[in-house]
Structure formats: structure tokens, C-alpha cells
Amino acid sequence: MNEDKERLNRAISKSIKKVFKDSLSLMEMADIEPKQFAKIRKMILRSGNDEIRKMSEELDKYEVRYTPSYDEQIDFETDN
């Protein structure tokens, strides 16, 4: 996977993980019984991780080119 595609893969994975973490936080606030919460948590995490893997496999079918925005900080590495 090229560097631009890896960057996109990380960004999408991070977004998907945020959705299932937020979902779990909302469930905790709903005061669900611990045994039921554990079961639902497992299902949410499995589903989210499955979707991350599917997205990564789908991304392999595409060419991706990253274009930084004008206000983004870009770090350059030197060969020191």
C-alpha cells in the first residue's frame, strides 16, 4: 500500500473507531445491565473491526493521491 493510501486508511479507520467508541459511551450512559452491555460491546467491536478490514481490502482496488490543504502543517525529513 502506498503512503497516500495508508494515510487514507488510517484516517478512515480512526473515524470508524470513533463511531463505535462513541456508541459504547452512549450505551454506558443508558445504564444497561453489565452482562448485556458486555454482549453488545463485543458485537459492536466485532462489527466495527470487520468493517475496517473490509474498507482496507476495498481501498486496495484504488489509486489514491493525497493533496494537502494550504493550512496543513507538512513535516519534511532530512537525510542527516
C-alpha atoms as a PDB file:
ATOM      1  CA  MET A   1       0.000   0.000   0.000  1.00  0.00           C
ATOM      2  CA  ASN A   2       1.457   3.374  -0.945  1.00  0.00           C
ATOM      3  CA  GLU A   3       1.953   6.163   1.582  1.00  0.00           C
ATOM      4  CA  ASP A   4      -1.085   8.175   0.449  1.00  0.00           C
ATOM      5  CA  LYS A   5      -3.334   5.133   0.595  1.00  0.00           C
ATOM      6  CA  GLU A   6      -2.004   4.254   4.062  1.00  0.00           C
ATOM      7  CA  ARG A   7      -2.773   7.800   5.198  1.00  0.00           C
ATOM      8  CA  LEU A   8      -6.371   7.478   3.969  1.00  0.00           C
ATOM      9  CA  ASN A   9      -6.673   4.018   5.520  1.00  0.00           C
ATOM     10  CA  ARG A  10      -5.581   5.395   8.914  1.00  0.00           C
ATOM     11  CA  ALA A  11      -7.998   8.334   8.678  1.00  0.00           C
ATOM     12  CA  ILE A  12     -10.968   6.118   7.807  1.00  0.00           C
ATOM     13  CA  SER A  13     -10.076   3.556  10.482  1.00  0.00           C
ATOM     14  CA  LYS A  14      -9.816   6.319  13.075  1.00  0.00           C
ATOM     15  CA  SER A  15     -13.269   7.622  12.099  1.00  0.00           C
ATOM     16  CA  ILE A  16     -14.860   4.167  12.269  1.00  0.00           C
ATOM     17  CA  LYS A  17     -13.277   3.513  15.673  1.00  0.00           C
ATOM     18  CA  LYS A  18     -14.608   6.838  16.956  1.00  0.00           C
ATOM     19  CA  VAL A  19     -18.134   5.828  15.957  1.00  0.00           C
ATOM     20  CA  PHE A  20     -18.048   2.550  17.853  1.00  0.00           C
ATOM     21  CA  LYS A  21     -16.325   4.106  20.886  1.00  0.00           C
ATOM     22  CA  ASP A  22     -18.969   6.833  20.987  1.00  0.00           C
ATOM     23  CA  SER A  23     -21.705   4.203  20.636  1.00  0.00           C
ATOM     24  CA  LEU A  24     -20.290   2.309  23.610  1.00  0.00           C
ATOM     25  CA  SER A  25     -20.114   5.502  25.666  1.00  0.00           C
ATOM     26  CA  LEU A  26     -23.771   6.225  24.939  1.00  0.00           C
ATOM     27  CA  MET A  27     -24.694   2.691  25.956  1.00  0.00           C
ATOM     28  CA  GLU A  28     -22.857   3.116  29.248  1.00  0.00           C
ATOM     29  CA  MET A  29     -24.903   6.250  29.883  1.00  0.00           C
ATOM     30  CA  ALA A  30     -28.096   4.245  29.257  1.00  0.00           C
ATOM     31  CA  ASP A  31     -27.285   2.172  32.347  1.00  0.00           C
ATOM     32  CA  ILE A  32     -27.582  -1.215  30.647  1.00  0.00           C
ATOM     33  CA  GLU A  33     -27.047  -4.268  32.841  1.00  0.00           C
ATOM     34  CA  PRO A  34     -23.328  -5.272  32.783  1.00  0.00           C
ATOM     35  CA  LYS A  35     -23.845  -8.729  31.269  1.00  0.00           C
ATOM     36  CA  GLN A  36     -25.982  -7.308  28.439  1.00  0.00           C
ATOM     37  CA  PHE A  37     -23.530  -4.429  27.935  1.00  0.00           C
ATOM     38  CA  ALA A  38     -20.620  -6.865  27.573  1.00  0.00           C
ATOM     39  CA  LYS A  39     -22.503  -8.836  24.936  1.00  0.00           C
ATOM     40  CA  ILE A  40     -23.465  -5.730  22.943  1.00  0.00           C
ATOM     41  CA  ARG A  41     -19.949  -4.290  23.314  1.00  0.00           C
ATOM     42  CA  LYS A  42     -18.458  -7.432  21.820  1.00  0.00           C
ATOM     43  CA  MET A  43     -20.867  -7.271  18.884  1.00  0.00           C
ATOM     44  CA  ILE A  44     -20.153  -3.581  18.221  1.00  0.00           C
ATOM     45  CA  LEU A  45     -16.382  -4.053  18.351  1.00  0.00           C
ATOM     46  CA  ARG A  46     -16.520  -7.111  16.088  1.00  0.00           C
ATOM     47  CA  SER A  47     -18.722  -5.290  13.571  1.00  0.00           C
ATOM     48  CA  GLY A  48     -16.534  -2.167  13.596  1.00  0.00           C
ATOM     49  CA  ASN A  49     -13.310  -4.121  13.183  1.00  0.00           C
ATOM     50  CA  ASP A  50     -14.859  -6.210  10.372  1.00  0.00           C
ATOM     51  CA  GLU A  51     -15.803  -3.003   8.557  1.00  0.00           C
ATOM     52  CA  ILE A  52     -12.288  -1.600   8.987  1.00  0.00           C
ATOM     53  CA  ARG A  53     -10.868  -4.764   7.386  1.00  0.00           C
ATOM     54  CA  LYS A  54     -13.412  -4.624   4.529  1.00  0.00           C
ATOM     55  CA  MET A  55     -12.635  -0.953   3.934  1.00  0.00           C
ATOM     56  CA  SER A  56      -8.923  -1.702   3.811  1.00  0.00           C
ATOM     57  CA  GLU A  57      -9.466  -4.514   1.291  1.00  0.00           C
ATOM     58  CA  GLU A  58     -11.676  -2.245  -0.841  1.00  0.00           C
ATOM     59  CA  LEU A  59      -9.093   0.531  -0.710  1.00  0.00           C
ATOM     60  CA  ASP A  60      -6.524  -1.806  -2.300  1.00  0.00           C
ATOM     61  CA  LYS A  61      -8.571  -1.579  -5.516  1.00  0.00           C
ATOM     62  CA  TYR A  62      -7.977   2.165  -5.870  1.00  0.00           C
ATOM     63  CA  GLU A  63      -5.176   4.537  -6.673  1.00  0.00           C
ATOM     64  CA  VAL A  64      -5.017   7.270  -4.062  1.00  0.00           C
ATOM     65  CA  ARG A  65      -3.198  10.578  -4.216  1.00  0.00           C
ATOM     66  CA  TYR A  66      -3.078  12.875  -1.195  1.00  0.00           C
ATOM     67  CA  THR A  67      -3.277  16.623  -1.766  1.00  0.00           C
ATOM     68  CA  PRO A  68      -2.535  18.616   1.396  1.00  0.00           C
ATOM     69  CA  SER A  69      -4.624  21.682   2.141  1.00  0.00           C
ATOM     70  CA  TYR A  70      -2.997  25.102   2.343  1.00  0.00           C
ATOM     71  CA  ASP A  71      -3.364  25.343   6.136  1.00  0.00           C
ATOM     72  CA  GLU A  72      -1.945  21.924   6.955  1.00  0.00           C
ATOM     73  CA  GLN A  73       1.476  21.559   8.527  1.00  0.00           C
ATOM     74  CA  ILE A  74       3.789  19.359   6.471  1.00  0.00           C
ATOM     75  CA  ASP A  75       6.952  17.964   8.028  1.00  0.00           C
ATOM     76  CA  PHE A  76       9.934  17.197   5.811  1.00  0.00           C
ATOM     77  CA  GLU A  77      12.516  14.602   6.752  1.00  0.00           C
ATOM     78  CA  THR A  78      16.195  15.268   6.141  1.00  0.00           C
ATOM     79  CA  ASP A  79      18.909  12.721   5.427  1.00  0.00           C
ATOM     80  CA  ASN A  80      21.177  13.718   8.346  1.00  0.00           C
END
